[in-house]
Amino acid sequence: MKSSNNYLLPACSANPVREIPTDLLIGEQWRAGAEGRRIDVINPSTGELLTSVADATIKDGIQAIDAAAQAATGWAATPPRKRAELLRTCFERMVAHSEWLAQLISLENGKALADAKSEVLYAAEFFRWYAEEAVRLEGEVSVSPSGANRIVVMYQPIGIALLITPWNFPAAMATRKIAPALAAGCTCILKPAEETPLTAYAVAQIMLEAGIPPGVVNVITTSDPAAVVKAMLHEGRIRKLSFTGSTEVGRLLLREAADTVVNSSMELGGNAPFLVFEDANIEEAIAGAMIAKMRNGGEACTAANRFYIQRGVYEQFTKQLVARMGAVKLGEGCSPETGCGALINRAAVEKIELLVADAVKRGARVLLGGSAPTRPGFFYPPTVLADVPAGAEILKQEIFGPVAALVPFDSIDEAVQLANDTEYGLVSYIYTGDLKTGLRISERLESGMIALNRGLVSDAAAPFGGVKQSGLGREGSHHGIREFTEAKYIAVEW
């Protein structure tokens, strides 16, 4: 049922005006929340109101579970090939609508249009990848060591999945969870961040148009996520929780999930080190640093936070990085000329201001940027800090902005020790001219992912996830679909 409370996305170069749903998607209906409340959606580039979306209550959350439960049996019984074809259609439709989706992301998230376009294609790729994986969820048959029976193992849908996504990649974080859940035969409820809900509703709209049955995907937004999610987890029918967000919130969700022993996947915070050794190709290292630091304006869990540069190339690397980051144009996300867009909100700007001020107070040198501009919206310029001391908070916390903190080092052992000196372990970046050295260091780094002479690790075909307090489980690759299954063992004689 079509909602009348739609947001009219202005026409862009390749598409006419688009209507984006702003109500909850529960089953086949777009509906207002039970209490009629709304959540404002702000354009970070201007600070102005874009529109508002429905605000779900606990009652709405339970009704979303009802809709997912009603669709669950039929979807689980849908042949894998049929599920695959529907996911492939989602991929094709998302690519076909990539221009206006990118515009929508830029408007509600603030990121540069080029970054938004890259995100849409990355997000769509999860539909294509899991369309392929849906028909390859293989079981196992073996002989018991005693020879008394056969051991048959099949992988079945785990059940209704609650998917909670952040604001920084509103399309990609949604499809990275929805696609494997649907490929495995699970129905789901997506709860996107209240800062960027429009993209989630747009993706859901595309999926319905692609033929995904009502109730298989439900979407709710709420201004009271703690209460609504807690009630949903304790209701008893949610069997899978997949969360991407901060480590602090992840810990709280794990405590709630423990009460009903809900299977949980957590993609949490990061504090990525970027190591450059003296034998590295500095031009390539700079190119990689620009991707690892400035992709999405630094608002990524994979963003390089701490730059550890071997002393022999420290000045050369620093000078070139300042030049490259200084050439990046700050501006509104939807402008084609923008290289670095707005941060998500005022609190994000204030956090970075505090981190930079603390580093400077402790002795760091500001080589570029270092203060927020006086303009509408939530902006912070590309910033380079040199000689950041060990005690600075900016080396301990996830920056989530366009600030590079540089520290010199002397030996491989020192670099590894500095890189591992964090509670996080999501991704590490290494630049070296010696592959043997790079692989040896990769084995020593406490990270779930390593980018060796690359500035990017994200790939639908690769297992994305971290160690230590950066999370549990993996997304993407064949590992991702297994997160939404239960292994059932059958002992049988024949």
Protein backbone atom coordinates (compact mmCIF):
# COMPACT_ATOMS: atom_id res chain seq x y z
CA MET A 1 0.00 0.00 0.00
CA LYS A 2 1.54 3.30 -1.10
CA SER A 3 2.03 6.04 1.48
CA SER A 4 0.81 9.58 0.93
CA ASN A 5 3.59 10.99 3.16
CA ASN A 6 6.34 10.87 0.57
CA TYR A 7 9.42 13.08 0.23
CA LEU A 8 9.81 14.62 -3.22
CA LEU A 9 13.46 14.26 -4.21
CA PRO A 10 14.30 17.07 -6.66
CA ALA A 11 15.15 16.14 -10.23
CA CYS A 12 18.82 15.42 -10.92
CA SER A 13 20.71 15.15 -14.20
CA ALA A 14 19.55 11.66 -15.09
CA ASN A 15 16.22 11.30 -13.32
CA PRO A 16 12.94 13.17 -12.84
CA VAL A 17 11.48 14.06 -9.44
CA ARG A 18 11.28 10.97 -7.23
CA GLU A 19 8.87 10.17 -4.39
CA ILE A 20 10.62 8.61 -1.39
CA PRO A 21 8.48 6.88 1.28
CA THR A 22 8.75 8.39 4.76
CA ASP A 23 6.44 6.03 6.66
CA LEU A 24 7.22 2.68 8.30
CA LEU A 25 7.25 -0.36 6.03
CA ILE A 26 5.45 -3.15 7.89
CA GLY A 27 4.33 -6.07 5.76
CA GLU A 28 2.64 -4.71 2.64
CA GLN A 29 1.83 -1.32 4.16
CA TRP A 30 3.62 2.00 4.42
CA ARG A 31 2.10 3.34 7.62
CA ALA A 32 2.50 6.09 10.20
CA GLY A 33 3.73 5.12 13.65
CA ALA A 34 1.19 4.07 16.26
CA GLU A 35 1.39 7.44 18.01
CA GLY A 36 1.76 9.59 14.90
CA ARG A 37 5.09 11.11 15.92
CA ARG A 38 7.69 12.15 13.31
CA ILE A 39 11.50 12.37 13.21
CA ASP A 40 13.09 15.34 11.46
CA VAL A 41 15.69 14.63 8.77
CA ILE A 42 18.30 17.38 8.45
CA ASN A 43 20.55 18.22 5.49
CA PRO A 44 24.04 18.35 7.07
CA SER A 45 25.33 20.61 4.29
CA THR A 46 22.90 23.39 5.24
CA GLY A 47 21.51 22.49 8.64
CA GLU A 48 18.03 22.81 7.14
CA LEU A 49 15.08 20.44 7.39
CA LEU A 50 14.66 18.03 4.47
CA THR A 51 11.54 16.22 5.64
CA SER A 52 10.37 13.98 8.47
CA VAL A 53 9.80 10.24 8.82
CA ALA A 54 7.51 8.12 10.95
CA ASP A 55 8.63 7.47 14.52
CA ALA A 56 8.06 3.83 15.53
CA THR A 57 6.89 2.79 18.97
CA ILE A 58 7.33 -0.56 20.73
CA LYS A 59 3.94 -1.53 19.31
CA ASP A 60 5.16 -0.82 15.77
CA GLY A 61 8.28 -2.89 16.41
CA ILE A 62 6.22 -5.89 17.51
CA GLN A 63 3.95 -5.49 14.49
CA ALA A 64 7.03 -5.56 12.27
CA ILE A 65 7.96 -8.88 13.89
CA ASP A 66 4.42 -10.10 13.20
CA ALA A 67 4.80 -9.22 9.52
CA ALA A 68 8.22 -10.89 9.30
CA ALA A 69 6.85 -13.99 11.03
CA GLN A 70 3.87 -14.19 8.68
CA ALA A 71 6.20 -14.12 5.66
CA ALA A 72 8.88 -16.37 7.15
CA THR A 73 7.58 -19.83 6.27
CA GLY A 74 6.85 -18.95 2.66
CA TRP A 75 10.17 -17.20 2.14
CA ALA A 76 12.20 -20.02 3.71
CA ALA A 77 10.40 -22.46 1.39
CA THR A 78 11.07 -20.32 -1.70
CA PRO A 79 13.57 -22.19 -3.93
CA PRO A 80 17.09 -20.78 -3.74
CA ARG A 81 17.05 -20.05 -7.46
CA LYS A 82 13.93 -17.91 -7.08
CA ARG A 83 15.45 -16.01 -4.17
CA ALA A 84 18.59 -15.53 -6.26
CA GLU A 85 16.65 -14.16 -9.22
CA LEU A 86 14.84 -11.66 -7.02
CA LEU A 87 18.11 -10.48 -5.47
CA ARG A 88 19.62 -10.15 -8.93
CA THR A 89 16.66 -7.97 -9.94
CA CYS A 90 17.26 -5.83 -6.85
CA PHE A 91 20.86 -5.36 -8.02
CA GLU A 92 19.81 -4.37 -11.52
CA ARG A 93 17.17 -1.91 -10.32
CA MET A 94 19.52 -0.35 -7.80
CA VAL A 95 22.18 0.23 -10.46
CA ALA A 96 19.54 1.63 -12.80
CA HIS A 97 18.50 4.13 -10.12
CA SER A 98 22.03 4.91 -8.93
CA GLU A 99 21.99 8.60 -9.89
CA TRP A 100 19.02 9.62 -7.75
CA LEU A 101 20.01 7.28 -4.92
CA ALA A 102 23.42 8.98 -4.77
CA GLN A 103 21.72 12.37 -4.72
CA LEU A 104 19.49 11.24 -1.86
CA ILE A 105 22.46 9.95 0.15
CA SER A 106 24.34 13.23 -0.34
CA LEU A 107 21.32 15.24 0.79
CA GLU A 108 20.64 13.39 4.04
CA ASN A 109 24.19 12.31 4.87
CA GLY A 110 26.24 15.26 3.58
CA LYS A 111 28.92 13.18 1.87
CA ALA A 112 30.43 14.22 -1.46
CA LEU A 113 28.43 13.12 -4.49
CA ALA A 114 31.36 11.06 -5.80
CA ASP A 115 31.47 9.13 -2.53
CA ALA A 116 27.70 8.66 -2.64
CA LYS A 117 27.87 7.26 -6.17
CA SER A 118 30.58 4.82 -5.12
CA GLU A 119 28.48 3.76 -2.14
CA VAL A 120 25.43 2.99 -4.27
CA LEU A 121 27.41 0.70 -6.57
CA TYR A 122 29.08 -0.97 -3.57
CA ALA A 123 25.68 -1.43 -1.93
CA ALA A 124 24.17 -2.91 -5.08
CA GLU A 125 27.03 -5.38 -5.32
CA PHE A 126 25.80 -7.17 -2.19
CA PHE A 127 22.56 -8.00 -4.00
CA ARG A 128 24.52 -9.45 -6.92
CA TRP A 129 26.98 -11.36 -4.73
CA TYR A 130 24.29 -12.95 -2.57
CA ALA A 131 22.16 -13.71 -5.58
CA GLU A 132 25.07 -15.97 -6.49
CA GLU A 133 25.58 -17.29 -2.96
CA ALA A 134 21.89 -18.15 -2.47
CA VAL A 135 22.24 -21.22 -4.70
CA ARG A 136 25.58 -22.29 -3.19
CA LEU A 137 24.67 -22.84 0.46
CA GLU A 138 26.04 -26.37 0.50
CA GLY A 139 25.59 -28.96 3.24
CA GLU A 140 27.90 -31.78 4.27
CA VAL A 141 27.83 -35.59 4.30
CA SER A 142 30.45 -37.70 6.05
CA VAL A 143 30.87 -41.11 7.64
CA SER A 144 30.97 -41.36 11.42
CA PRO A 145 34.46 -42.43 12.60
CA SER A 146 32.93 -45.59 14.03
CA GLY A 147 31.29 -46.40 10.73
CA ALA A 148 27.94 -46.80 12.48
CA ASN A 149 26.13 -44.03 10.63
CA ARG A 150 26.35 -41.10 8.26
CA ILE A 151 26.64 -37.52 9.46
CA VAL A 152 24.42 -35.21 7.41
CA VAL A 153 24.64 -31.45 7.99
CA MET A 154 22.28 -28.94 6.42
CA TYR A 155 22.21 -25.17 6.80
CA GLN A 156 18.76 -23.74 7.44
CA PRO A 157 17.53 -20.14 7.86
CA ILE A 158 18.20 -18.97 11.40
CA GLY A 159 14.87 -17.12 11.59
CA ILE A 160 13.70 -13.53 11.84
CA ALA A 161 16.63 -11.10 11.75
CA LEU A 162 16.80 -7.64 13.31
CA LEU A 163 19.25 -5.50 11.34
CA ILE A 164 20.52 -2.24 12.84
CA THR A 165 22.55 0.06 10.60
CA PRO A 166 24.47 3.34 11.04
CA TRP A 167 24.21 6.67 9.24
CA ASN A 168 27.61 6.79 7.52
CA PHE A 169 26.84 4.30 4.73
CA PRO A 170 23.02 4.22 4.74
CA ALA A 171 22.69 2.14 1.57
CA ALA A 172 25.69 -0.20 1.83
CA MET A 173 25.23 -1.10 5.48
CA ALA A 174 21.59 -1.98 4.76
CA THR A 175 22.24 -4.19 1.73
CA ARG A 176 25.26 -5.84 3.38
CA LYS A 177 22.84 -7.26 5.94
CA ILE A 178 19.59 -7.61 3.98
CA ALA A 179 21.09 -9.47 1.02
CA PRO A 180 22.65 -12.41 2.96
CA ALA A 181 19.62 -12.64 5.23
CA LEU A 182 17.28 -13.00 2.26
CA ALA A 183 19.67 -15.30 0.40
CA ALA A 184 19.69 -17.64 3.42
CA GLY A 185 15.89 -17.66 3.54
CA CYS A 186 15.38 -15.30 6.51
CA THR A 187 12.91 -12.47 6.78
CA CYS A 188 14.09 -9.28 8.43
CA ILE A 189 13.37 -5.97 10.08
CA LEU A 190 15.76 -3.13 9.26
CA LYS A 191 16.19 -0.30 11.75
CA PRO A 192 18.28 2.41 10.07
CA ALA A 193 19.82 5.33 11.90
CA GLU A 194 17.39 8.18 12.44
CA GLU A 195 19.86 10.63 10.83
CA THR A 196 19.66 8.91 7.42
CA PRO A 197 16.38 6.99 7.12
CA LEU A 198 15.37 8.09 3.62
CA THR A 199 17.98 5.91 1.89
CA ALA A 200 16.77 2.83 3.74
CA TYR A 201 13.17 3.48 2.71
CA ALA A 202 14.27 4.11 -0.88
CA VAL A 203 16.16 0.80 -0.97
CA ALA A 204 13.12 -1.00 0.48
CA GLN A 205 10.92 0.61 -2.16
CA ILE A 206 13.26 -0.64 -4.89
CA MET A 207 13.16 -4.14 -3.40
CA LEU A 208 9.36 -4.22 -3.39
CA GLU A 209 9.34 -3.03 -7.01
CA ALA A 210 11.80 -5.84 -7.79
CA GLY A 211 9.29 -8.40 -6.51
CA ILE A 212 10.43 -9.12 -2.93
CA PRO A 213 7.23 -10.37 -1.19
CA PRO A 214 5.59 -8.19 1.49
CA GLY A 215 6.84 -8.89 5.00
CA VAL A 216 10.17 -10.31 3.88
CA VAL A 217 11.77 -6.88 4.42
CA ASN A 218 10.31 -4.45 6.96
CA VAL A 219 11.76 -1.04 7.85
CA ILE A 220 11.15 1.00 10.99
CA THR A 221 12.70 4.22 12.26
CA THR A 222 12.49 5.31 15.87
CA SER A 223 13.67 8.13 18.11
CA ASP A 224 13.78 5.68 21.03
CA PRO A 225 15.93 2.84 19.69
CA ALA A 226 16.97 1.53 23.12
CA ALA A 227 13.41 0.83 24.25
CA VAL A 228 12.09 -0.40 20.90
CA VAL A 229 15.03 -2.72 20.20
CA LYS A 230 15.01 -4.06 23.75
CA ALA A 231 11.31 -4.93 23.47
CA MET A 232 11.84 -6.60 20.11
CA LEU A 233 14.76 -8.70 21.37
CA HIS A 234 12.85 -9.78 24.47
CA GLU A 235 9.65 -10.57 22.54
CA GLY A 236 11.09 -13.98 21.73
CA ARG A 237 10.80 -14.36 17.97
CA ILE A 238 13.94 -12.49 16.87
CA ARG A 239 16.63 -15.12 16.34
CA LYS A 240 19.37 -13.01 14.75
CA LEU A 241 20.74 -9.57 15.62
CA SER A 242 23.14 -7.91 13.20
CA PHE A 243 24.46 -4.51 14.29
CA THR A 244 26.88 -2.01 12.81
CA GLY A 245 27.78 0.94 15.01
CA SER A 246 29.83 1.99 18.00
CA THR A 247 31.47 -0.45 20.38
CA GLU A 248 29.63 1.20 23.30
CA VAL A 249 26.20 0.50 21.79
CA GLY A 250 27.34 -2.95 20.69
CA ARG A 251 28.11 -3.90 24.28
CA LEU A 252 24.63 -2.79 25.38
CA LEU A 253 22.96 -4.78 22.61
CA LEU A 254 24.93 -7.91 23.47
CA ARG A 255 23.68 -7.66 27.05
CA GLU A 256 20.09 -7.39 25.83
CA ALA A 257 20.53 -10.22 23.33
CA ALA A 258 21.90 -12.47 26.08
CA ASP A 259 18.55 -12.57 27.88
CA THR A 260 16.94 -14.51 25.03
CA VAL A 261 20.22 -15.95 23.64
CA VAL A 262 19.86 -14.22 20.28
CA ASN A 263 22.61 -15.04 17.81
CA SER A 264 24.53 -11.77 17.33
CA SER A 265 26.89 -10.30 14.75
CA MET A 266 28.64 -7.06 15.63
CA GLU A 267 30.60 -4.74 13.32
CA LEU A 268 31.85 -2.16 15.78
CA GLY A 269 34.34 0.67 16.07
CA GLY A 270 37.81 0.96 14.61
CA ASN A 271 41.04 2.89 15.13
CA ALA A 272 42.93 1.94 12.00
CA PRO A 273 46.71 2.36 11.86
CA PHE A 274 48.34 3.29 8.54
CA LEU A 275 51.96 2.10 8.48
CA VAL A 276 54.45 3.45 5.92
CA PHE A 277 57.93 1.93 5.83
CA GLU A 278 61.06 3.47 4.34
CA ASP A 279 61.11 1.07 1.38
CA ALA A 280 57.54 1.98 0.34
CA ASN A 281 56.63 3.76 -2.87
CA ILE A 282 55.68 7.10 -1.32
CA GLU A 283 53.52 8.24 -4.23
CA GLU A 284 51.48 5.04 -3.96
CA ALA A 285 51.33 5.37 -0.18
CA ILE A 286 49.97 8.91 -0.52
CA ALA A 287 47.36 7.76 -3.01
CA GLY A 288 46.34 4.99 -0.63
CA ALA A 289 46.29 7.38 2.31
CA MET A 290 43.89 9.70 0.49
CA ILE A 291 41.47 6.81 -0.01
CA ALA A 292 41.88 5.36 3.49
CA LYS A 293 41.56 8.77 5.17
CA MET A 294 39.31 10.86 2.93
CA ARG A 295 36.80 8.30 1.61
CA ASN A 296 33.44 9.42 2.97
CA GLY A 297 35.19 12.41 4.53
CA GLY A 298 36.78 10.12 7.10
CA GLU A 299 33.37 9.08 8.47
CA ALA A 300 34.04 5.36 8.12
CA CYS A 301 34.94 2.62 10.59
CA THR A 302 37.69 1.64 8.16
CA ALA A 303 39.14 5.15 7.96
CA ALA A 304 42.86 5.48 8.69
CA ASN A 305 43.09 7.23 12.06
CA ARG A 306 46.74 6.91 13.12
CA PHE A 307 49.50 7.41 10.55
CA TYR A 308 52.77 5.81 11.63
CA ILE A 309 55.54 6.82 9.21
CA GLN A 310 59.11 5.50 9.39
CA ARG A 311 61.43 8.36 10.21
CA GLY A 312 63.46 8.20 6.97
CA VAL A 313 60.42 9.11 4.85
CA TYR A 314 58.44 11.02 7.48
CA GLU A 315 59.05 14.54 6.12
CA GLN A 316 58.55 13.46 2.51
CA PHE A 317 55.27 11.70 3.27
CA THR A 318 54.05 14.56 5.46
CA LYS A 319 54.76 17.23 2.85
CA GLN A 320 52.99 15.31 0.09
CA LEU A 321 49.99 14.46 2.27
CA VAL A 322 49.53 18.12 3.21
CA ALA A 323 49.62 19.08 -0.47
CA ARG A 324 47.08 16.41 -1.49
CA MET A 325 44.67 17.04 1.39
CA GLY A 326 45.00 20.78 0.96
CA ALA A 327 43.77 20.46 -2.63
CA VAL A 328 40.51 18.80 -1.56
CA LYS A 329 37.54 21.17 -1.92
CA LEU A 330 35.20 21.44 1.03
CA GLY A 331 31.56 21.95 0.06
CA GLU A 332 27.96 20.79 -0.09
CA GLY A 333 27.61 17.09 -0.80
CA CYS A 334 25.46 17.41 -3.92
CA SER A 335 27.91 19.74 -5.68
CA PRO A 336 29.97 17.83 -8.29
CA GLU A 337 33.06 19.90 -7.36
CA THR A 338 33.00 18.86 -3.70
CA GLY A 339 35.77 16.53 -2.55
CA CYS A 340 34.93 16.61 1.17
CA GLY A 341 31.36 17.08 2.29
CA ALA A 342 29.72 17.91 5.59
CA LEU A 343 29.91 15.84 8.76
CA ILE A 344 26.67 14.28 9.94
CA ASN A 345 25.78 16.81 12.69
CA ARG A 346 27.06 19.52 15.01
CA ALA A 347 28.12 16.99 17.66
CA ALA A 348 30.48 15.35 15.14
CA VAL A 349 32.18 18.71 14.49
CA GLU A 350 32.47 19.45 18.19
CA LYS A 351 34.03 16.05 18.88
CA ILE A 352 36.75 16.64 16.28
CA GLU A 353 37.40 20.15 17.61
CA LEU A 354 38.03 18.67 21.07
CA LEU A 355 40.32 15.94 19.72
CA VAL A 356 42.38 18.40 17.68
CA ALA A 357 42.59 20.88 20.56
CA ASP A 358 43.81 18.15 22.91
CA ALA A 359 46.48 17.01 20.44
CA VAL A 360 47.73 20.56 19.90
CA LYS A 361 47.79 21.24 23.64
CA ARG A 362 50.00 18.16 24.06
CA GLY A 363 52.44 19.31 21.36
CA ALA A 364 51.10 18.28 17.95
CA ARG A 365 51.77 20.64 15.05
CA VAL A 366 48.88 21.76 12.79
CA LEU A 367 50.14 21.66 9.20
CA LEU A 368 46.75 22.00 7.52
CA GLY A 369 43.26 22.98 8.63
CA GLY A 370 42.66 22.66 12.33
CA SER A 371 39.51 24.73 12.82
CA ALA A 372 35.91 24.58 11.65
CA PRO A 373 34.83 27.18 9.07
CA THR A 374 32.11 29.72 9.83
CA ARG A 375 29.44 28.67 7.35
CA PRO A 376 26.03 27.00 7.46
CA GLY A 377 26.04 23.24 7.88
CA PHE A 378 28.35 20.90 9.77
CA PHE A 379 31.80 21.19 8.20
CA TYR A 380 35.36 20.49 9.25
CA PRO A 381 38.23 20.96 6.78
CA PRO A 382 40.85 18.39 5.78
CA THR A 383 43.42 18.59 8.58
CA VAL A 384 46.93 17.24 9.08
CA LEU A 385 48.56 17.05 12.52
CA ALA A 386 52.26 16.20 12.73
CA ASP A 387 54.27 14.81 15.65
CA VAL A 388 51.19 13.79 17.61
CA PRO A 389 52.32 12.67 21.09
CA ALA A 390 51.47 9.25 22.49
CA GLY A 391 49.05 10.50 25.13
CA ALA A 392 46.79 12.40 22.72
CA GLU A 393 43.14 11.34 22.70
CA ILE A 394 43.09 11.51 18.90
CA LEU A 395 45.29 8.38 18.83
CA LYS A 396 42.92 6.52 21.15
CA GLN A 397 39.51 7.40 19.74
CA GLU A 398 37.85 6.90 16.39
CA ILE A 399 38.11 10.33 14.75
CA PHE A 400 35.29 9.95 12.19
CA GLY A 401 36.36 12.99 10.22
CA PRO A 402 38.96 14.33 7.74
CA VAL A 403 41.84 14.58 10.23
CA ALA A 404 45.15 12.73 9.78
CA ALA A 405 47.31 12.30 12.89
CA LEU A 406 50.97 11.60 12.02
CA VAL A 407 53.58 9.93 14.25
CA PRO A 408 57.15 8.94 13.30
CA PHE A 409 58.65 5.54 14.19
CA ASP A 410 62.05 3.89 13.83
CA SER A 411 61.71 0.07 13.70
CA ILE A 412 59.29 -2.61 12.55
CA ASP A 413 58.82 -3.82 16.12
CA GLU A 414 57.96 -0.30 17.26
CA ALA A 415 55.46 0.12 14.42
CA VAL A 416 53.70 -3.14 15.25
CA GLN A 417 53.59 -2.26 18.95
CA LEU A 418 52.08 1.16 18.21
CA ALA A 419 49.56 -0.26 15.76
CA ASN A 420 48.35 -2.93 18.21
CA ASP A 421 48.14 -0.54 21.17
CA THR A 422 44.34 -0.16 20.99
CA GLU A 423 41.22 -2.02 22.09
CA TYR A 424 40.09 -2.05 18.47
CA GLY A 425 41.13 -4.37 15.67
CA LEU A 426 39.11 -3.76 12.52
CA VAL A 427 41.59 -2.89 9.76
CA SER A 428 45.24 -1.97 9.35
CA TYR A 429 47.03 -0.47 6.35
CA ILE A 430 50.63 -1.31 5.40
CA TYR A 431 52.85 0.21 2.72
CA THR A 432 56.19 -1.47 2.02
CA GLY A 433 58.23 -2.38 -1.04
CA ASP A 434 58.98 -5.85 0.34
CA LEU A 435 56.09 -8.31 0.07
CA LYS A 436 57.73 -10.73 2.53
CA THR A 437 58.00 -7.95 5.11
CA GLY A 438 54.42 -6.91 4.46
CA LEU A 439 53.05 -10.40 4.95
CA ARG A 440 55.07 -10.96 8.11
CA ILE A 441 53.78 -7.70 9.58
CA SER A 442 50.24 -8.62 8.49
CA GLU A 443 50.44 -11.76 10.60
CA ARG A 444 51.53 -9.75 13.65
CA LEU A 445 48.88 -7.03 13.44
CA GLU A 446 45.78 -7.56 15.57
CA SER A 447 43.22 -6.72 12.89
CA GLY A 448 40.48 -8.63 11.17
CA MET A 449 41.46 -7.07 7.84
CA ILE A 450 44.75 -5.91 6.35
CA ALA A 451 45.20 -3.61 3.35
CA LEU A 452 48.68 -4.37 2.03
CA ASN A 453 49.81 -1.64 -0.36
CA ARG A 454 46.15 -0.70 -0.82
CA GLY A 455 43.95 2.05 0.58
CA LEU A 456 40.71 0.08 0.44
CA VAL A 457 39.54 -3.28 1.82
CA SER A 458 35.77 -3.18 1.30
CA ASP A 459 34.54 -5.84 -1.14
CA ALA A 460 31.30 -7.80 -1.20
CA ALA A 461 33.32 -10.95 -1.91
CA ALA A 462 35.61 -10.52 1.14
CA PRO A 463 34.91 -11.31 4.83
CA PHE A 464 34.48 -7.91 6.50
CA GLY A 465 34.90 -7.76 10.27
CA GLY A 466 37.24 -7.18 13.17
CA VAL A 467 38.83 -8.68 16.25
CA LYS A 468 39.08 -7.54 19.86
CA GLN A 469 36.42 -4.89 20.53
CA SER A 470 35.82 -4.22 16.85
CA GLY A 471 33.21 -6.93 16.63
CA LEU A 472 31.97 -10.48 16.23
CA GLY A 473 31.32 -12.37 13.01
CA ARG A 474 31.86 -11.45 9.38
CA GLU A 475 29.86 -9.77 6.63
CA GLY A 476 30.36 -10.28 2.92
CA SER A 477 31.81 -13.32 1.12
CA HIS A 478 30.44 -16.82 1.77
CA HIS A 479 30.98 -16.16 5.48
CA GLY A 480 28.22 -13.57 5.45
CA ILE A 481 25.41 -15.93 4.48
CA ARG A 482 26.46 -18.46 7.13
CA GLU A 483 25.80 -15.78 9.78
CA PHE A 484 22.09 -16.16 8.93
CA THR A 485 21.92 -19.95 9.14
CA GLU A 486 21.85 -22.70 11.73
CA ALA A 487 23.71 -25.96 11.13
CA LYS A 488 21.38 -28.93 11.62
CA TYR A 489 22.99 -32.34 12.08
CA ILE A 490 21.12 -35.54 11.19
CA ALA A 491 22.53 -38.92 12.23
CA VAL A 492 21.27 -41.50 9.73
CA GLU A 493 22.03 -45.05 8.64
CA TRP A 494 21.69 -46.33 5.11
